[in-house]
Each structure stands twice: as C-alpha cells, then as structure tokens.
Amino acid sequence: MKTLVLGWGNPILSDDGVGIRVAQQVREKVDDPQVTVAETSAAGLDLLDSVVGYDKAIIIDAIQTRDGHAGQIYRMGLQDFSSAKRFSSAHQMHLVTALELGKMLNLAMPREIIILAVEAEDITSFSEKCTPDVDRAIPAVVKMVLEELNAERPPQG
C-alpha cells in the first residue's frame, strides 16, 4: 500500500510547526519504499499535489479547538470535522474542502486519510520551537504514526 506521511504546518510559527517536526522524526525511523514521508506548508489547492497518487495518507498538523488543552492529541478522519474543529494554520482553503474537491475532480485521492492533530497553544509567535506541552506530545504522535504504518503491513512468517 503506497502511503504518505505528511507533516503540515509552518515551522517558524511555534506550535504550527508540530506536523513538520513529527514528520522529520518519523523519516528517521521509516525505511520502507512504499512509505513517503514529506513536509509541506502548502495551502488550499496546492495541498492536493502532495496527496494525489497515494492509497493512504497520514496528515499531522496543529489544531485549536474550543475546549482542548495544549499537547492533546486527536486521531480523526475527514468525517470528524465541523465548524467547531478547524486546522489552525492560515491555509486559504480548509483541508476537507481541498480533499473533497480532489475527489470531485476524479483525482487519484487516498482511499484512507488519517489526521493526527495536536492541540496548539501558540500559532502566531515567530519561533522554531513548539511550546513545552506541544513539544512533549511529539514522541507520542511519532509513535502513533509508526503504529499506523505497522498496522498495514501483513504479518511476517
């Protein structure tokens, strides 16, 4: 199964870079020709260029919800998004809207999309570091990505 692990965000806007940082750590641990680990700060329709042609996509980004606390991790699918949950980055088009448009255009979109989002505290300060609570969540998100990748491999033997 051709899989994309995509860290999404802006690496110089504090917690908005959490997806990028997770992808960098995952890349160091994955040696599978069927898995592509990438980073992007692409917005809106440009995001489609990253996901087209994969069977599965695992997207990691920052999120801000009404009642969440910094560092909280969410595992979601596209169906989990509502007006109460939106990606925190200043992307021009909502992630779900871009992906739905790709389907409408009959692009080779992933059959499965998993979103791992980390509740952000600060997405506006210029910093190449995440806030402490978000930084502490990174190893857990890396582990979740690796578990998702291992779950799709057939048993050996």
C-alpha atoms as a PDB file:
ATOM      1  CA  MET A   1       0.000   0.000   0.000  1.00  0.00           C
ATOM      2  CA  LYS A   2       1.502   3.297  -1.105  1.00  0.00           C
ATOM      3  CA  THR A   3       1.342   5.557   1.968  1.00  0.00           C
ATOM      4  CA  LEU A   4       2.098   9.223   2.541  1.00  0.00           C
ATOM      5  CA  VAL A   5       3.031  10.618   5.944  1.00  0.00           C
ATOM      6  CA  LEU A   6       2.596  14.376   5.595  1.00  0.00           C
ATOM      7  CA  GLY A   7       3.708  16.856   8.226  1.00  0.00           C
ATOM      8  CA  TRP A   8       1.767  20.055   7.581  1.00  0.00           C
ATOM      9  CA  GLY A   9       2.352  23.497   9.003  1.00  0.00           C
ATOM     10  CA  ASN A  10       4.709  26.407   9.287  1.00  0.00           C
ATOM     11  CA  PRO A  11       7.978  25.557  11.047  1.00  0.00           C
ATOM     12  CA  ILE A  12       8.652  29.155  12.106  1.00  0.00           C
ATOM     13  CA  LEU A  13       5.297  29.770  13.820  1.00  0.00           C
ATOM     14  CA  SER A  14       5.848  27.893  17.084  1.00  0.00           C
ATOM     15  CA  ASP A  15       3.223  25.135  17.521  1.00  0.00           C
ATOM     16  CA  ASP A  16       2.083  25.392  13.896  1.00  0.00           C
ATOM     17  CA  GLY A  17       5.292  23.517  13.065  1.00  0.00           C
ATOM     18  CA  VAL A  18       4.390  20.408  15.082  1.00  0.00           C
ATOM     19  CA  GLY A  19       3.436  18.425  11.969  1.00  0.00           C
ATOM     20  CA  ILE A  20       6.764  19.233  10.325  1.00  0.00           C
ATOM     21  CA  ARG A  21       8.678  18.188  13.453  1.00  0.00           C
ATOM     22  CA  VAL A  22       6.793  14.889  13.708  1.00  0.00           C
ATOM     23  CA  ALA A  23       7.459  14.126  10.028  1.00  0.00           C
ATOM     24  CA  GLN A  24      11.179  14.794  10.492  1.00  0.00           C
ATOM     25  CA  GLN A  25      11.357  12.276  13.346  1.00  0.00           C
ATOM     26  CA  VAL A  26       9.237   9.689  11.516  1.00  0.00           C
ATOM     27  CA  ARG A  27      11.521   9.953   8.470  1.00  0.00           C
ATOM     28  CA  GLU A  28      14.472   8.875  10.632  1.00  0.00           C
ATOM     29  CA  LYS A  29      12.618   5.703  11.696  1.00  0.00           C
ATOM     30  CA  VAL A  30      11.000   4.532   8.445  1.00  0.00           C
ATOM     31  CA  ASP A  31      12.789   2.512   5.789  1.00  0.00           C
ATOM     32  CA  ASP A  32      10.019   1.291   3.525  1.00  0.00           C
ATOM     33  CA  PRO A  33       9.870   2.066  -0.205  1.00  0.00           C
ATOM     34  CA  GLN A  34       6.051   2.094  -0.003  1.00  0.00           C
ATOM     35  CA  VAL A  35       6.098   4.961   2.538  1.00  0.00           C
ATOM     36  CA  THR A  36       6.857   8.549   1.624  1.00  0.00           C
ATOM     37  CA  VAL A  37       7.463  10.986   4.462  1.00  0.00           C
ATOM     38  CA  ALA A  38       7.082  14.609   3.422  1.00  0.00           C
ATOM     39  CA  GLU A  39       6.631  18.061   4.866  1.00  0.00           C
ATOM     40  CA  THR A  40       4.558  20.896   3.469  1.00  0.00           C
ATOM     41  CA  SER A  41       3.309  24.330   4.241  1.00  0.00           C
ATOM     42  CA  ALA A  42       1.194  24.256   1.092  1.00  0.00           C
ATOM     43  CA  ALA A  43      -2.194  25.855   1.373  1.00  0.00           C
ATOM     44  CA  GLY A  44      -5.554  25.007  -0.120  1.00  0.00           C
ATOM     45  CA  LEU A  45      -5.463  23.511  -3.578  1.00  0.00           C
ATOM     46  CA  ASP A  46      -1.673  23.219  -3.509  1.00  0.00           C
ATOM     47  CA  LEU A  47      -2.132  20.555  -0.833  1.00  0.00           C
ATOM     48  CA  LEU A  48      -3.704  18.278  -3.450  1.00  0.00           C
ATOM     49  CA  ASP A  49      -0.359  17.980  -5.233  1.00  0.00           C
ATOM     50  CA  SER A  50       1.030  16.336  -2.099  1.00  0.00           C
ATOM     51  CA  VAL A  51      -1.647  13.650  -1.625  1.00  0.00           C
ATOM     52  CA  VAL A  52      -2.620  12.601  -5.157  1.00  0.00           C
ATOM     53  CA  GLY A  53      -1.467   9.102  -6.076  1.00  0.00           C
ATOM     54  CA  TYR A  54      -1.340   7.572  -2.592  1.00  0.00           C
ATOM     55  CA  ASP A  55      -3.564   4.798  -1.236  1.00  0.00           C
ATOM     56  CA  LYS A  56      -3.378   6.141   2.307  1.00  0.00           C
ATOM     57  CA  ALA A  57      -2.396   9.473   3.821  1.00  0.00           C
ATOM     58  CA  ILE A  58      -1.497  10.233   7.422  1.00  0.00           C
ATOM     59  CA  ILE A  59      -1.562  14.001   7.892  1.00  0.00           C
ATOM     60  CA  ILE A  60      -0.100  15.619  11.003  1.00  0.00           C
ATOM     61  CA  ASP A  61      -0.876  19.220  11.926  1.00  0.00           C
ATOM     62  CA  ALA A  62      -1.693  21.590  14.743  1.00  0.00           C
ATOM     63  CA  ILE A  63      -5.301  22.240  15.667  1.00  0.00           C
ATOM     64  CA  GLN A  64      -7.120  24.582  18.005  1.00  0.00           C
ATOM     65  CA  THR A  65     -10.441  23.572  19.492  1.00  0.00           C
ATOM     66  CA  ARG A  66     -12.694  25.361  21.903  1.00  0.00           C
ATOM     67  CA  ASP A  67     -12.133  23.058  24.893  1.00  0.00           C
ATOM     68  CA  GLY A  68      -8.818  21.356  24.166  1.00  0.00           C
ATOM     69  CA  HIS A  69      -5.625  21.719  26.140  1.00  0.00           C
ATOM     70  CA  ALA A  70      -2.164  22.252  24.662  1.00  0.00           C
ATOM     71  CA  GLY A  71      -0.492  18.978  23.710  1.00  0.00           C
ATOM     72  CA  GLN A  72      -3.738  16.989  23.483  1.00  0.00           C
ATOM     73  CA  ILE A  73      -3.619  14.578  20.531  1.00  0.00           C
ATOM     74  CA  TYR A  74      -6.581  13.820  18.272  1.00  0.00           C
ATOM     75  CA  ARG A  75      -6.889  10.958  15.783  1.00  0.00           C
ATOM     76  CA  MET A  76      -9.519  11.912  13.237  1.00  0.00           C
ATOM     77  CA  GLY A  77     -10.889  11.216   9.820  1.00  0.00           C
ATOM     78  CA  LEU A  78     -12.403  13.742   7.460  1.00  0.00           C
ATOM     79  CA  GLN A  79     -15.852  12.976   8.880  1.00  0.00           C
ATOM     80  CA  ASP A  80     -14.787  14.411  12.258  1.00  0.00           C
ATOM     81  CA  PHE A  81     -14.522  17.978  11.053  1.00  0.00           C
ATOM     82  CA  SER A  82     -17.190  20.550  11.797  1.00  0.00           C
ATOM     83  CA  SER A  83     -17.213  24.280  12.298  1.00  0.00           C
ATOM     84  CA  ALA A  84     -16.005  23.657  15.873  1.00  0.00           C
ATOM     85  CA  LYS A  85     -12.793  21.957  14.706  1.00  0.00           C
ATOM     86  CA  ARG A  86     -10.560  23.635  12.157  1.00  0.00           C
ATOM     87  CA  PHE A  87      -6.888  23.393  11.360  1.00  0.00           C
ATOM     88  CA  SER A  88      -5.088  26.266  12.964  1.00  0.00           C
ATOM     89  CA  SER A  89      -2.808  27.330  10.152  1.00  0.00           C
ATOM     90  CA  ALA A  90      -3.636  30.254   7.945  1.00  0.00           C
ATOM     91  CA  HIS A  91      -4.330  27.994   4.967  1.00  0.00           C
ATOM     92  CA  GLN A  92      -6.531  29.595   2.333  1.00  0.00           C
ATOM     93  CA  MET A  93      -8.817  26.585   1.896  1.00  0.00           C
ATOM     94  CA  HIS A  94      -9.955  24.218   4.596  1.00  0.00           C
ATOM     95  CA  LEU A  95      -8.258  20.795   4.370  1.00  0.00           C
ATOM     96  CA  VAL A  96     -11.513  18.898   3.999  1.00  0.00           C
ATOM     97  CA  THR A  97     -12.713  21.222   1.227  1.00  0.00           C
ATOM     98  CA  ALA A  98      -9.493  20.721  -0.744  1.00  0.00           C
ATOM     99  CA  LEU A  99      -9.676  16.925  -0.391  1.00  0.00           C
ATOM    100  CA  GLU A 100     -13.348  16.798  -1.353  1.00  0.00           C
ATOM    101  CA  LEU A 101     -12.596  18.912  -4.419  1.00  0.00           C
ATOM    102  CA  GLY A 102      -9.893  16.417  -5.395  1.00  0.00           C
ATOM    103  CA  LYS A 103     -12.467  13.625  -5.255  1.00  0.00           C
ATOM    104  CA  MET A 104     -14.951  15.648  -7.321  1.00  0.00           C
ATOM    105  CA  LEU A 105     -12.252  16.187  -9.952  1.00  0.00           C
ATOM    106  CA  ASN A 106     -11.641  12.413 -10.043  1.00  0.00           C
ATOM    107  CA  LEU A 107      -8.040  12.784  -8.945  1.00  0.00           C
ATOM    108  CA  ALA A 108      -6.318   9.675  -7.572  1.00  0.00           C
ATOM    109  CA  MET A 109      -7.050  10.555  -3.953  1.00  0.00           C
ATOM    110  CA  PRO A 110      -6.117   8.342  -0.983  1.00  0.00           C
ATOM    111  CA  ARG A 111      -8.836   5.856  -0.041  1.00  0.00           C
ATOM    112  CA  GLU A 112      -7.945   6.337   3.622  1.00  0.00           C
ATOM    113  CA  ILE A 113      -6.997   9.613   5.281  1.00  0.00           C
ATOM    114  CA  ILE A 114      -5.995   9.747   8.929  1.00  0.00           C
ATOM    115  CA  ILE A 115      -5.405  13.074  10.613  1.00  0.00           C
ATOM    116  CA  LEU A 116      -3.285  13.270  13.735  1.00  0.00           C
ATOM    117  CA  ALA A 117      -3.664  16.739  15.212  1.00  0.00           C
ATOM    118  CA  VAL A 118      -2.006  18.250  18.248  1.00  0.00           C
ATOM    119  CA  GLU A 119      -3.805  20.936  20.226  1.00  0.00           C
ATOM    120  CA  ALA A 120      -1.718  24.072  19.785  1.00  0.00           C
ATOM    121  CA  GLU A 121      -1.116  26.779  22.333  1.00  0.00           C
ATOM    122  CA  ASP A 122       0.676  29.331  20.141  1.00  0.00           C
ATOM    123  CA  ILE A 123       0.468  29.505  16.353  1.00  0.00           C
ATOM    124  CA  THR A 124       1.296  33.175  15.887  1.00  0.00           C
ATOM    125  CA  SER A 125       4.678  33.764  17.547  1.00  0.00           C
ATOM    126  CA  PHE A 126       7.771  33.510  15.401  1.00  0.00           C
ATOM    127  CA  SER A 127       9.703  30.612  16.871  1.00  0.00           C
ATOM    128  CA  GLU A 128      11.293  27.449  15.546  1.00  0.00           C
ATOM    129  CA  LYS A 129      10.328  25.684  18.778  1.00  0.00           C
ATOM    130  CA  CYS A 130       6.991  24.382  19.952  1.00  0.00           C
ATOM    131  CA  THR A 131       5.623  25.348  23.340  1.00  0.00           C
ATOM    132  CA  PRO A 132       6.545  22.847  26.101  1.00  0.00           C
ATOM    133  CA  ASP A 133       3.210  20.964  26.184  1.00  0.00           C
ATOM    134  CA  VAL A 134       3.159  20.550  22.407  1.00  0.00           C
ATOM    135  CA  ASP A 135       6.831  19.566  22.333  1.00  0.00           C
ATOM    136  CA  ARG A 136       6.141  16.827  24.914  1.00  0.00           C
ATOM    137  CA  ALA A 137       3.395  15.433  22.649  1.00  0.00           C
ATOM    138  CA  ILE A 138       5.703  14.924  19.650  1.00  0.00           C
ATOM    139  CA  PRO A 139       7.134  11.492  20.690  1.00  0.00           C
ATOM    140  CA  ALA A 140       3.597  10.157  21.256  1.00  0.00           C
ATOM    141  CA  VAL A 141       2.491  11.344  17.811  1.00  0.00           C
ATOM    142  CA  VAL A 142       5.579   9.783  16.209  1.00  0.00           C
ATOM    143  CA  LYS A 143       4.679   6.505  17.937  1.00  0.00           C
ATOM    144  CA  MET A 144       1.077   6.769  16.666  1.00  0.00           C
ATOM    145  CA  VAL A 145       2.295   7.281  13.079  1.00  0.00           C
ATOM    146  CA  LEU A 146       4.611   4.277  13.326  1.00  0.00           C
ATOM    147  CA  GLU A 147       1.775   2.152  14.732  1.00  0.00           C
ATOM    148  CA  GLU A 148      -0.457   3.197  11.803  1.00  0.00           C
ATOM    149  CA  LEU A 149       2.290   2.203   9.367  1.00  0.00           C
ATOM    150  CA  ASN A 150       2.919  -1.144  11.082  1.00  0.00           C
ATOM    151  CA  ALA A 151      -0.793  -1.946  11.182  1.00  0.00           C
ATOM    152  CA  GLU A 152      -0.961  -2.007   7.386  1.00  0.00           C
ATOM    153  CA  ARG A 153       1.904  -4.480   6.923  1.00  0.00           C
ATOM    154  CA  PRO A 154       0.978  -8.134   6.553  1.00  0.00           C
ATOM    155  CA  PRO A 155       2.357 -10.444   9.267  1.00  0.00           C
ATOM    156  CA  GLN A 156       5.759 -11.975   8.543  1.00  0.00           C
ATOM    157  CA  GLY A 157       6.211 -15.712   8.506  1.00  0.00           C
END
